[in-house]
Amino acid sequence: MLQAEHNLTLRAGDLELVLSPALGGAIRDLTWTGEGRRVPLLRPTREGADSVLDMASFPLVPYVNRIRDGHFSFRGREVVIKPNMAGDISPLHGQGWLAPWTVESAGAQDAELRFMHEAGEWPWKYEAKQVVSLYERGLSLELHCRNLDREPMPCGLGQHPYFPCTAETRIDTEVRSAFEIDEHVLPTGEVAATGRFDLRERAACGQGLDHGFGGWGGEARLTDPEWPALLRLSSPDAGFFQLYSPESGGIFVAEPVTHANAALNEPEERWGELGLRVLEPGEEMRLDLRLGLVS
């Protein structure tokens, strides 16, 4: 077991990956270093940044996005979670992104990070693990969550990568539906992914979107003239997709997630269609993500 305070740097071919385990098990930078250039493939983290929200990507466990009013019911238990981000009335993204992770192992091209949650506001004990592997043309992330409690536990997983963007950056992905939202970024209804919600061959930057999408095809193709090649973001385990593209531009977030925003607030009989799992004691779920350069 290694200290979590220090950054870890992995290298493979022309790729360099920097991890910041103490900051929510986050990725600090992913950079292509070929042809005498350094091109950030994820949003670069500024020098001296010490907040997980300044990182390039972080894991979402054991739920993704928001819990309406910080309250939900599960099999006779009332769960109340306080807001965990300044300026947002809803708790979001679980506990893993706000806690240090332990470095279980680290090599030149791979690392394993671990986070243990003892029962508290989230009243179930669980263990989360990330297996990070860097290849010559890409990055692989495995996110695991195991229920260590004596009772069944709701669970969902995601990753939260930030990408740099300009007016020329494009996204191309297939989604079936979009969730309209209110002023608190909570879903108000589900509509067909047409018009402003059509994510096929469109600008990724400055779109004024902070929405969830259902029926994701499992792959998004991202392009920018400054990048050395097309970026393919894929996850076979994520049936839902979140896109944050602020009108101010500069960055966008493309999140593969296993369940819909505020799914915990829906009746349990709907959880399956909304992507939420219930893990029995000792049971584990996993989200695999791959980000690769495609020539």
Protein backbone atom coordinates (compact mmCIF):
# COMPACT_ATOMS: atom_id res chain seq x y z
CA MET A 1 0.00 0.00 0.00
CA LEU A 2 1.39 3.42 -1.01
CA GLN A 3 0.79 6.94 0.24
CA ALA A 4 -2.13 8.69 -1.48
CA GLU A 5 -0.84 12.25 -1.02
CA HIS A 6 1.41 12.19 -4.06
CA ASN A 7 0.53 12.26 -7.74
CA LEU A 8 1.20 9.16 -9.79
CA THR A 9 2.44 9.40 -13.38
CA LEU A 10 1.91 6.58 -15.88
CA ARG A 11 3.42 6.54 -19.39
CA ALA A 12 2.81 4.41 -22.47
CA GLY A 13 3.94 5.36 -25.96
CA ASP A 14 3.08 9.04 -26.51
CA LEU A 15 0.56 9.14 -23.66
CA GLU A 16 1.13 10.48 -20.15
CA LEU A 17 -1.43 10.07 -17.38
CA VAL A 18 -1.24 11.79 -13.97
CA LEU A 19 -3.42 10.54 -11.12
CA SER A 20 -4.24 12.40 -7.89
CA PRO A 21 -5.51 9.63 -5.57
CA ALA A 22 -5.92 11.92 -2.54
CA LEU A 23 -8.34 14.13 -4.48
CA GLY A 24 -11.25 11.76 -4.96
CA GLY A 25 -9.25 9.14 -6.86
CA ALA A 26 -9.12 11.63 -9.73
CA ILE A 27 -7.24 11.89 -13.00
CA ARG A 28 -5.20 15.09 -13.01
CA ASP A 29 -4.05 15.10 -16.64
CA LEU A 30 -4.06 12.96 -19.77
CA THR A 31 -1.64 14.29 -22.36
CA TRP A 32 -0.44 13.22 -25.80
CA THR A 33 3.27 13.99 -26.15
CA GLY A 34 4.05 13.06 -29.76
CA GLU A 35 5.70 15.02 -32.59
CA GLY A 36 7.33 17.45 -30.18
CA ARG A 37 3.95 18.66 -28.90
CA ARG A 38 2.01 18.30 -25.65
CA VAL A 39 -1.72 18.11 -26.36
CA PRO A 40 -4.17 17.69 -23.45
CA LEU A 41 -6.80 15.05 -24.25
CA LEU A 42 -8.67 15.84 -21.04
CA ARG A 43 -9.00 19.31 -19.55
CA PRO A 44 -5.54 20.14 -18.13
CA THR A 45 -5.36 20.82 -14.41
CA ARG A 46 -3.82 24.16 -13.54
CA GLU A 47 -0.66 24.31 -11.46
CA GLY A 48 -1.36 24.10 -7.75
CA ALA A 49 -5.04 23.10 -8.11
CA ASP A 50 -6.21 21.23 -5.02
CA SER A 51 -9.96 20.72 -5.62
CA VAL A 52 -11.46 17.64 -7.23
CA LEU A 53 -13.61 19.97 -9.34
CA ASP A 54 -10.42 21.26 -10.96
CA MET A 55 -9.28 17.77 -11.96
CA ALA A 56 -9.58 16.22 -15.42
CA SER A 57 -11.89 13.38 -14.35
CA PHE A 58 -13.19 11.67 -11.23
CA PRO A 59 -15.23 8.57 -10.32
CA LEU A 60 -18.91 8.56 -9.30
CA VAL A 61 -19.82 5.97 -6.65
CA PRO A 62 -22.21 4.64 -5.32
CA TYR A 63 -24.69 6.81 -7.24
CA VAL A 64 -24.47 9.37 -10.03
CA ASN A 65 -25.85 12.87 -10.35
CA ARG A 66 -28.54 14.14 -7.96
CA ILE A 67 -30.86 12.96 -5.19
CA ARG A 68 -33.94 15.20 -5.15
CA ASP A 69 -34.26 16.99 -1.78
CA GLY A 70 -31.46 14.76 -0.48
CA HIS A 71 -34.05 12.15 0.47
CA PHE A 72 -35.18 8.76 -0.77
CA SER A 73 -36.84 5.64 0.62
CA PHE A 74 -35.61 2.09 0.23
CA ARG A 75 -37.43 -0.94 1.65
CA GLY A 76 -38.76 0.86 4.70
CA ARG A 77 -35.62 2.89 5.37
CA GLU A 78 -35.65 6.68 5.00
CA VAL A 79 -32.28 8.00 3.77
CA VAL A 80 -31.36 11.68 4.12
CA ILE A 81 -28.16 13.05 2.56
CA LYS A 82 -26.95 16.63 3.01
CA PRO A 83 -25.88 18.74 -0.02
CA ASN A 84 -22.21 18.12 -0.78
CA MET A 85 -21.31 20.86 -3.29
CA ALA A 86 -21.50 24.61 -2.75
CA GLY A 87 -24.29 26.22 -4.74
CA ASP A 88 -26.25 23.01 -5.35
CA ILE A 89 -29.27 22.15 -3.20
CA SER A 90 -29.00 18.44 -4.06
CA PRO A 91 -26.35 15.95 -2.93
CA LEU A 92 -24.67 14.46 -5.97
CA HIS A 93 -22.21 11.85 -7.22
CA GLY A 94 -21.90 9.84 -3.99
CA GLN A 95 -18.96 9.84 -1.59
CA GLY A 96 -15.98 8.58 -3.58
CA TRP A 97 -15.22 11.85 -5.40
CA LEU A 98 -14.91 13.76 -2.11
CA ALA A 99 -12.59 11.35 -0.29
CA PRO A 100 -8.97 10.22 -0.60
CA TRP A 101 -8.30 6.86 -2.23
CA THR A 102 -5.53 4.48 -1.23
CA VAL A 103 -2.95 3.41 -3.79
CA GLU A 104 -2.99 -0.38 -3.56
CA SER A 105 -0.41 -0.86 -6.33
CA ALA A 106 1.30 1.19 -9.03
CA GLY A 107 3.47 0.35 -12.01
CA ALA A 108 4.81 2.15 -15.06
CA GLN A 109 1.51 1.80 -16.95
CA ASP A 110 -1.08 0.77 -14.37
CA ALA A 111 -2.39 1.47 -10.88
CA GLU A 112 -5.06 0.24 -8.52
CA LEU A 113 -6.86 2.65 -6.18
CA ARG A 114 -9.23 1.78 -3.33
CA PHE A 115 -11.83 3.65 -1.27
CA MET A 116 -13.62 2.30 1.80
CA HIS A 117 -16.89 3.82 2.97
CA GLU A 118 -18.18 3.09 6.46
CA ALA A 119 -21.92 3.39 7.02
CA GLY A 120 -22.98 6.97 7.82
CA GLU A 121 -25.36 9.32 6.03
CA TRP A 122 -25.19 6.77 3.24
CA PRO A 123 -26.18 3.95 5.57
CA TRP A 124 -24.37 1.07 3.88
CA LYS A 125 -20.74 0.00 4.06
CA TYR A 126 -19.07 -0.51 0.69
CA GLU A 127 -15.70 -0.76 -1.02
CA ALA A 128 -14.85 0.95 -4.31
CA LYS A 129 -11.87 0.13 -6.51
CA GLN A 130 -10.42 1.64 -9.67
CA VAL A 131 -8.09 -0.30 -11.94
CA VAL A 132 -6.29 2.15 -14.23
CA SER A 133 -4.34 0.97 -17.29
CA LEU A 134 -2.57 3.13 -19.84
CA TYR A 135 -1.83 1.82 -23.33
CA GLU A 136 0.04 3.32 -26.27
CA ARG A 137 -3.25 4.51 -27.80
CA GLY A 138 -5.55 4.89 -24.86
CA LEU A 139 -6.74 4.60 -21.30
CA SER A 140 -8.78 1.90 -19.59
CA LEU A 141 -10.65 2.53 -16.31
CA GLU A 142 -12.44 -0.17 -14.34
CA LEU A 143 -14.63 1.12 -11.50
CA HIS A 144 -15.91 -1.50 -9.05
CA CYS A 145 -18.26 -1.23 -6.08
CA ARG A 146 -18.84 -4.08 -3.60
CA ASN A 147 -21.55 -4.04 -0.96
CA LEU A 148 -19.87 -4.89 2.38
CA ASP A 149 -23.00 -4.29 4.41
CA ARG A 150 -25.36 -6.84 5.92
CA GLU A 151 -28.29 -5.34 4.01
CA PRO A 152 -28.99 -4.84 0.28
CA MET A 153 -27.70 -1.52 -1.08
CA PRO A 154 -28.74 0.58 -4.11
CA CYS A 155 -25.82 1.26 -6.42
CA GLY A 156 -24.86 3.09 -9.57
CA LEU A 157 -21.53 4.08 -11.12
CA GLY A 158 -20.11 6.64 -13.52
CA GLN A 159 -17.05 8.60 -14.60
CA HIS A 160 -16.89 12.38 -14.97
CA PRO A 161 -14.30 13.34 -17.63
CA TYR A 162 -13.84 16.99 -18.64
CA PHE A 163 -12.67 17.70 -22.18
CA PRO A 164 -11.19 20.94 -23.55
CA CYS A 165 -13.10 22.35 -26.51
CA THR A 166 -13.34 25.08 -29.10
CA ALA A 167 -15.95 25.98 -31.72
CA GLU A 168 -14.46 23.21 -33.90
CA THR A 169 -14.81 20.38 -31.36
CA ARG A 170 -17.47 17.84 -32.36
CA ILE A 171 -19.33 15.02 -30.64
CA ASP A 172 -21.09 12.15 -32.38
CA THR A 173 -23.09 9.66 -30.31
CA GLU A 174 -26.42 7.85 -30.35
CA VAL A 175 -29.02 8.43 -27.61
CA ARG A 176 -32.70 7.56 -27.65
CA SER A 177 -34.14 10.07 -25.17
CA ALA A 178 -33.29 13.19 -23.17
CA PHE A 179 -34.39 14.24 -19.69
CA GLU A 180 -35.60 17.83 -19.52
CA ILE A 181 -34.56 19.66 -16.34
CA ASP A 182 -35.66 22.42 -13.99
CA GLU A 183 -33.57 25.28 -12.56
CA HIS A 184 -31.99 22.87 -10.07
CA VAL A 185 -30.82 20.47 -12.84
CA LEU A 186 -33.38 17.88 -11.74
CA PRO A 187 -35.36 15.94 -14.35
CA THR A 188 -38.90 17.03 -15.17
CA GLY A 189 -39.71 14.66 -18.03
CA GLU A 190 -38.30 12.44 -20.77
CA VAL A 191 -38.51 13.39 -24.45
CA ALA A 192 -37.16 12.07 -27.73
CA ALA A 193 -33.54 13.03 -28.40
CA THR A 194 -34.27 15.27 -31.35
CA GLY A 195 -33.51 18.91 -32.16
CA ARG A 196 -31.26 20.44 -29.48
CA PHE A 197 -31.00 17.00 -27.85
CA ASP A 198 -29.71 15.23 -30.97
CA LEU A 199 -26.07 14.36 -30.27
CA ARG A 200 -25.15 13.10 -33.72
CA GLU A 201 -22.38 15.02 -35.50
CA ARG A 202 -22.77 18.28 -33.62
CA ALA A 203 -20.74 20.93 -31.85
CA ALA A 204 -19.63 19.87 -28.37
CA CYS A 205 -18.77 23.33 -27.04
CA GLY A 206 -21.02 26.16 -25.80
CA GLN A 207 -24.30 24.26 -26.20
CA GLY A 208 -26.07 25.29 -23.00
CA LEU A 209 -26.73 21.67 -22.05
CA ASP A 210 -26.60 20.01 -18.62
CA HIS A 211 -28.81 17.05 -19.40
CA GLY A 212 -29.06 13.31 -19.04
CA PHE A 213 -29.79 10.99 -21.93
CA GLY A 214 -31.24 7.49 -22.05
CA GLY A 215 -30.71 4.66 -24.48
CA TRP A 216 -27.04 5.51 -24.99
CA GLY A 217 -25.34 3.40 -27.63
CA GLY A 218 -22.20 2.94 -25.49
CA GLU A 219 -19.79 4.93 -27.66
CA ALA A 220 -19.10 8.61 -28.33
CA ARG A 221 -16.72 9.87 -31.02
CA LEU A 222 -15.00 13.17 -30.23
CA THR A 223 -12.95 15.22 -32.70
CA ASP A 224 -10.95 18.42 -32.67
CA PRO A 225 -8.39 19.72 -35.23
CA GLU A 226 -5.78 20.09 -32.46
CA TRP A 227 -6.01 16.49 -31.32
CA PRO A 228 -3.71 13.90 -32.91
CA ALA A 229 -6.66 11.65 -33.83
CA LEU A 230 -10.32 11.00 -33.16
CA LEU A 231 -11.06 10.15 -29.51
CA ARG A 232 -13.42 7.24 -28.88
CA LEU A 233 -15.10 7.22 -25.46
CA SER A 234 -16.84 3.92 -24.76
CA SER A 235 -18.41 1.90 -21.97
CA PRO A 236 -20.32 -1.35 -22.43
CA ASP A 237 -21.85 -1.02 -18.95
CA ALA A 238 -23.35 2.47 -19.22
CA GLY A 239 -26.86 2.72 -20.64
CA PHE A 240 -27.12 6.41 -19.78
CA PHE A 241 -25.08 9.47 -20.71
CA GLN A 242 -24.72 12.95 -19.20
CA LEU A 243 -23.55 15.93 -21.26
CA TYR A 244 -22.56 19.23 -19.68
CA SER A 245 -21.71 21.90 -22.24
CA PRO A 246 -21.96 25.39 -20.69
CA GLU A 247 -22.77 28.34 -22.92
CA SER A 248 -19.49 29.95 -21.86
CA GLY A 249 -17.58 27.22 -23.72
CA GLY A 250 -14.03 26.11 -23.06
CA ILE A 251 -14.94 22.68 -21.68
CA PHE A 252 -17.56 19.98 -21.88
CA VAL A 253 -18.23 16.91 -19.74
CA ALA A 254 -19.26 13.60 -21.30
CA GLU A 255 -20.22 11.10 -18.58
CA PRO A 256 -20.91 7.40 -19.14
CA VAL A 257 -23.23 6.47 -16.26
CA THR A 258 -25.22 3.40 -15.31
CA HIS A 259 -28.41 5.17 -14.24
CA ALA A 260 -30.53 8.26 -14.79
CA ASN A 261 -30.33 11.46 -12.75
CA ALA A 262 -32.51 11.31 -9.57
CA ALA A 263 -33.32 7.66 -10.21
CA LEU A 264 -33.15 7.01 -6.45
CA ASN A 265 -36.25 9.15 -6.05
CA GLU A 266 -38.33 6.88 -8.26
CA PRO A 267 -40.19 3.79 -6.99
CA GLU A 268 -37.94 0.73 -6.76
CA GLU A 269 -40.01 -1.09 -9.40
CA ARG A 270 -38.71 1.50 -11.92
CA TRP A 271 -35.05 1.22 -10.92
CA GLY A 272 -34.27 -1.49 -13.43
CA GLU A 273 -35.40 0.58 -16.42
CA LEU A 274 -33.60 3.63 -14.99
CA GLY A 275 -30.35 1.68 -14.59
CA LEU A 276 -30.09 1.40 -10.80
CA ARG A 277 -28.90 -1.88 -9.28
CA VAL A 278 -29.57 -3.34 -5.87
CA LEU A 279 -26.49 -5.16 -4.59
CA GLU A 280 -26.98 -7.98 -2.14
CA PRO A 281 -24.42 -8.31 0.69
CA GLY A 282 -21.08 -9.21 -0.88
CA GLU A 283 -22.29 -8.49 -4.43
CA GLU A 284 -20.27 -6.25 -6.77
CA MET A 285 -21.01 -4.18 -9.85
CA ARG A 286 -18.56 -2.70 -12.34
CA LEU A 287 -18.31 0.06 -14.93
CA ASP A 288 -15.62 -0.18 -17.60
CA LEU A 289 -14.58 2.90 -19.55
CA ARG A 290 -12.17 3.18 -22.44
CA LEU A 291 -10.81 6.38 -23.97
CA GLY A 292 -8.70 5.76 -27.03
CA LEU A 293 -7.12 7.49 -30.01
CA VAL A 294 -8.40 6.14 -33.33
CA SER A 295 -6.37 6.79 -36.48
